[in-house]
Amino acid sequence: MEKTGGQKSTKIGVVSGKSMKKTVSVIVERQIRHPLYKKIVREKKKFLAHDEYEKCKIGDMVKIVQSRPLSKLKKWRVQEIVSLSPSETVKEAKDKKG
């Protein structure tokens, strides 16, 4: 019997906390239509993700991928940093100017 690996779930969110070693909390926001009122509603959910190299900073947009359980609440890994936080982008621009 051979197992076929399915697609691992990925989500994109913003790093909201970095208080633990090699762990970041990521807020993922999605929009759904309310079943009764038919209004578009924003839902937010917080995930704890493993950041192996501790490169993420608060405000960075990251892509997280589902993995095996790494601890009681940590079941996601940071796959890549999609974009830096706005304050980091301003610092880099100032550094380039000289």
C-alpha atoms as a PDB file:
ATOM      1  CA  MET A   1       0.000   0.000   0.000  1.00  0.00           C
ATOM      2  CA  GLU A   2       1.566   3.248  -1.137  1.00  0.00           C
ATOM      3  CA  LYS A   3       0.721   6.623   0.359  1.00  0.00           C
ATOM      4  CA  THR A   4       0.368   9.518  -2.023  1.00  0.00           C
ATOM      5  CA  GLY A   5       1.314  12.881  -0.563  1.00  0.00           C
ATOM      6  CA  GLY A   6      -1.483  15.381  -1.016  1.00  0.00           C
ATOM      7  CA  GLN A   7      -1.179  19.112  -1.364  1.00  0.00           C
ATOM      8  CA  LYS A   8      -0.095  20.785   1.865  1.00  0.00           C
ATOM      9  CA  SER A   9      -2.218  23.734   2.856  1.00  0.00           C
ATOM     10  CA  THR A  10      -0.562  27.155   2.547  1.00  0.00           C
ATOM     11  CA  LYS A  11      -1.717  30.517   3.878  1.00  0.00           C
ATOM     12  CA  ILE A  12      -0.434  34.084   3.652  1.00  0.00           C
ATOM     13  CA  GLY A  13      -0.545  36.316   6.718  1.00  0.00           C
ATOM     14  CA  VAL A  14       1.166  39.040   8.711  1.00  0.00           C
ATOM     15  CA  VAL A  15       3.564  38.367  11.594  1.00  0.00           C
ATOM     16  CA  SER A  16       1.974  39.784  14.744  1.00  0.00           C
ATOM     17  CA  GLY A  17       4.255  38.493  17.481  1.00  0.00           C
ATOM     18  CA  LYS A  18       7.743  37.160  18.034  1.00  0.00           C
ATOM     19  CA  SER A  19       8.016  36.542  21.766  1.00  0.00           C
ATOM     20  CA  MET A  20       9.288  32.939  21.616  1.00  0.00           C
ATOM     21  CA  LYS A  21      12.465  31.443  20.160  1.00  0.00           C
ATOM     22  CA  LYS A  22      12.028  30.142  16.592  1.00  0.00           C
ATOM     23  CA  THR A  23       8.273  30.803  16.742  1.00  0.00           C
ATOM     24  CA  VAL A  24       6.162  33.591  15.270  1.00  0.00           C
ATOM     25  CA  SER A  25       2.440  34.201  15.502  1.00  0.00           C
ATOM     26  CA  VAL A  26       0.840  34.917  12.150  1.00  0.00           C
ATOM     27  CA  ILE A  27      -2.591  36.492  11.626  1.00  0.00           C
ATOM     28  CA  VAL A  28      -4.360  35.243   8.512  1.00  0.00           C
ATOM     29  CA  GLU A  29      -7.330  37.300   7.340  1.00  0.00           C
ATOM     30  CA  ARG A  30      -9.987  36.020   4.948  1.00  0.00           C
ATOM     31  CA  GLN A  31     -13.260  37.358   3.630  1.00  0.00           C
ATOM     32  CA  ILE A  32     -16.444  35.303   3.680  1.00  0.00           C
ATOM     33  CA  ARG A  33     -20.065  36.013   2.854  1.00  0.00           C
ATOM     34  CA  HIS A  34     -22.359  35.902   5.894  1.00  0.00           C
ATOM     35  CA  PRO A  35     -24.841  33.044   5.381  1.00  0.00           C
ATOM     36  CA  LEU A  36     -27.922  34.985   6.488  1.00  0.00           C
ATOM     37  CA  TYR A  37     -27.178  38.649   5.797  1.00  0.00           C
ATOM     38  CA  LYS A  38     -25.078  38.120   2.631  1.00  0.00           C
ATOM     39  CA  LYS A  39     -22.605  40.797   3.725  1.00  0.00           C
ATOM     40  CA  ILE A  40     -18.869  40.288   3.201  1.00  0.00           C
ATOM     41  CA  VAL A  41     -17.268  39.796   6.629  1.00  0.00           C
ATOM     42  CA  ARG A  42     -13.563  39.655   7.520  1.00  0.00           C
ATOM     43  CA  GLU A  43     -12.420  36.765   9.662  1.00  0.00           C
ATOM     44  CA  LYS A  44      -9.024  36.665  11.355  1.00  0.00           C
ATOM     45  CA  LYS A  45      -7.277  33.626  12.766  1.00  0.00           C
ATOM     46  CA  LYS A  46      -3.944  33.371  14.548  1.00  0.00           C
ATOM     47  CA  PHE A  47      -1.486  30.564  13.812  1.00  0.00           C
ATOM     48  CA  LEU A  48       1.805  29.734  15.529  1.00  0.00           C
ATOM     49  CA  ALA A  49       4.488  28.992  12.937  1.00  0.00           C
ATOM     50  CA  HIS A  50       8.042  27.670  13.170  1.00  0.00           C
ATOM     51  CA  ASP A  51      10.675  30.188  12.013  1.00  0.00           C
ATOM     52  CA  GLU A  52      13.870  28.104  11.835  1.00  0.00           C
ATOM     53  CA  TYR A  53      16.334  30.926  11.105  1.00  0.00           C
ATOM     54  CA  GLU A  54      14.520  33.669  13.086  1.00  0.00           C
ATOM     55  CA  LYS A  55      14.460  36.056  10.109  1.00  0.00           C
ATOM     56  CA  CYS A  56      10.832  37.196  10.451  1.00  0.00           C
ATOM     57  CA  LYS A  57      10.046  40.540  12.050  1.00  0.00           C
ATOM     58  CA  ILE A  58       6.730  41.947  13.233  1.00  0.00           C
ATOM     59  CA  GLY A  59       4.790  43.320  10.262  1.00  0.00           C
ATOM     60  CA  ASP A  60       6.369  41.047   7.628  1.00  0.00           C
ATOM     61  CA  MET A  61       4.017  39.249   5.266  1.00  0.00           C
ATOM     62  CA  VAL A  62       4.857  35.527   5.214  1.00  0.00           C
ATOM     63  CA  LYS A  63       3.687  32.342   3.556  1.00  0.00           C
ATOM     64  CA  ILE A  64       3.133  29.473   5.999  1.00  0.00           C
ATOM     65  CA  VAL A  65       2.750  25.801   5.114  1.00  0.00           C
ATOM     66  CA  GLN A  66       1.126  23.051   7.149  1.00  0.00           C
ATOM     67  CA  SER A  67       3.506  20.474   8.654  1.00  0.00           C
ATOM     68  CA  ARG A  68       3.639  17.773  11.291  1.00  0.00           C
ATOM     69  CA  PRO A  69       2.939  18.905  14.860  1.00  0.00           C
ATOM     70  CA  LEU A  70       6.072  20.581  16.224  1.00  0.00           C
ATOM     71  CA  SER A  71       4.562  21.334  19.654  1.00  0.00           C
ATOM     72  CA  LYS A  72       1.145  21.506  21.296  1.00  0.00           C
ATOM     73  CA  LEU A  73      -0.025  24.519  19.246  1.00  0.00           C
ATOM     74  CA  LYS A  74       2.618  24.783  16.509  1.00  0.00           C
ATOM     75  CA  LYS A  75       1.625  22.928  13.326  1.00  0.00           C
ATOM     76  CA  TRP A  76       2.825  25.374  10.651  1.00  0.00           C
ATOM     77  CA  ARG A  77       6.236  26.376   9.245  1.00  0.00           C
ATOM     78  CA  VAL A  78       7.283  29.662   7.638  1.00  0.00           C
ATOM     79  CA  GLN A  79       7.973  28.827   3.996  1.00  0.00           C
ATOM     80  CA  GLU A  80       9.054  32.270   2.793  1.00  0.00           C
ATOM     81  CA  ILE A  81       8.893  35.967   3.573  1.00  0.00           C
ATOM     82  CA  VAL A  82       6.672  37.493   0.890  1.00  0.00           C
ATOM     83  CA  SER A  83       7.302  41.150   1.768  1.00  0.00           C
ATOM     84  CA  LEU A  84       9.036  43.072   4.518  1.00  0.00           C
ATOM     85  CA  SER A  85       7.266  45.291   7.019  1.00  0.00           C
ATOM     86  CA  PRO A  86       6.797  48.931   5.932  1.00  0.00           C
ATOM     87  CA  SER A  87       9.258  50.218   8.567  1.00  0.00           C
ATOM     88  CA  GLU A  88      11.953  47.806   7.330  1.00  0.00           C
ATOM     89  CA  THR A  89      11.401  48.916   3.730  1.00  0.00           C
ATOM     90  CA  VAL A  90      11.911  52.572   4.731  1.00  0.00           C
ATOM     91  CA  LYS A  91      15.133  51.683   6.587  1.00  0.00           C
ATOM     92  CA  GLU A  92      16.497  49.830   3.545  1.00  0.00           C
ATOM     93  CA  ALA A  93      15.685  52.793   1.265  1.00  0.00           C
ATOM     94  CA  LYS A  94      17.556  55.172   3.608  1.00  0.00           C
ATOM     95  CA  ASP A  95      20.554  52.824   3.720  1.00  0.00           C
ATOM     96  CA  LYS A  96      20.750  52.717  -0.064  1.00  0.00           C
ATOM     97  CA  LYS A  97      20.689  56.517  -0.354  1.00  0.00           C
ATOM     98  CA  GLY A  98      23.753  56.749   1.804  1.00  0.00           C
END
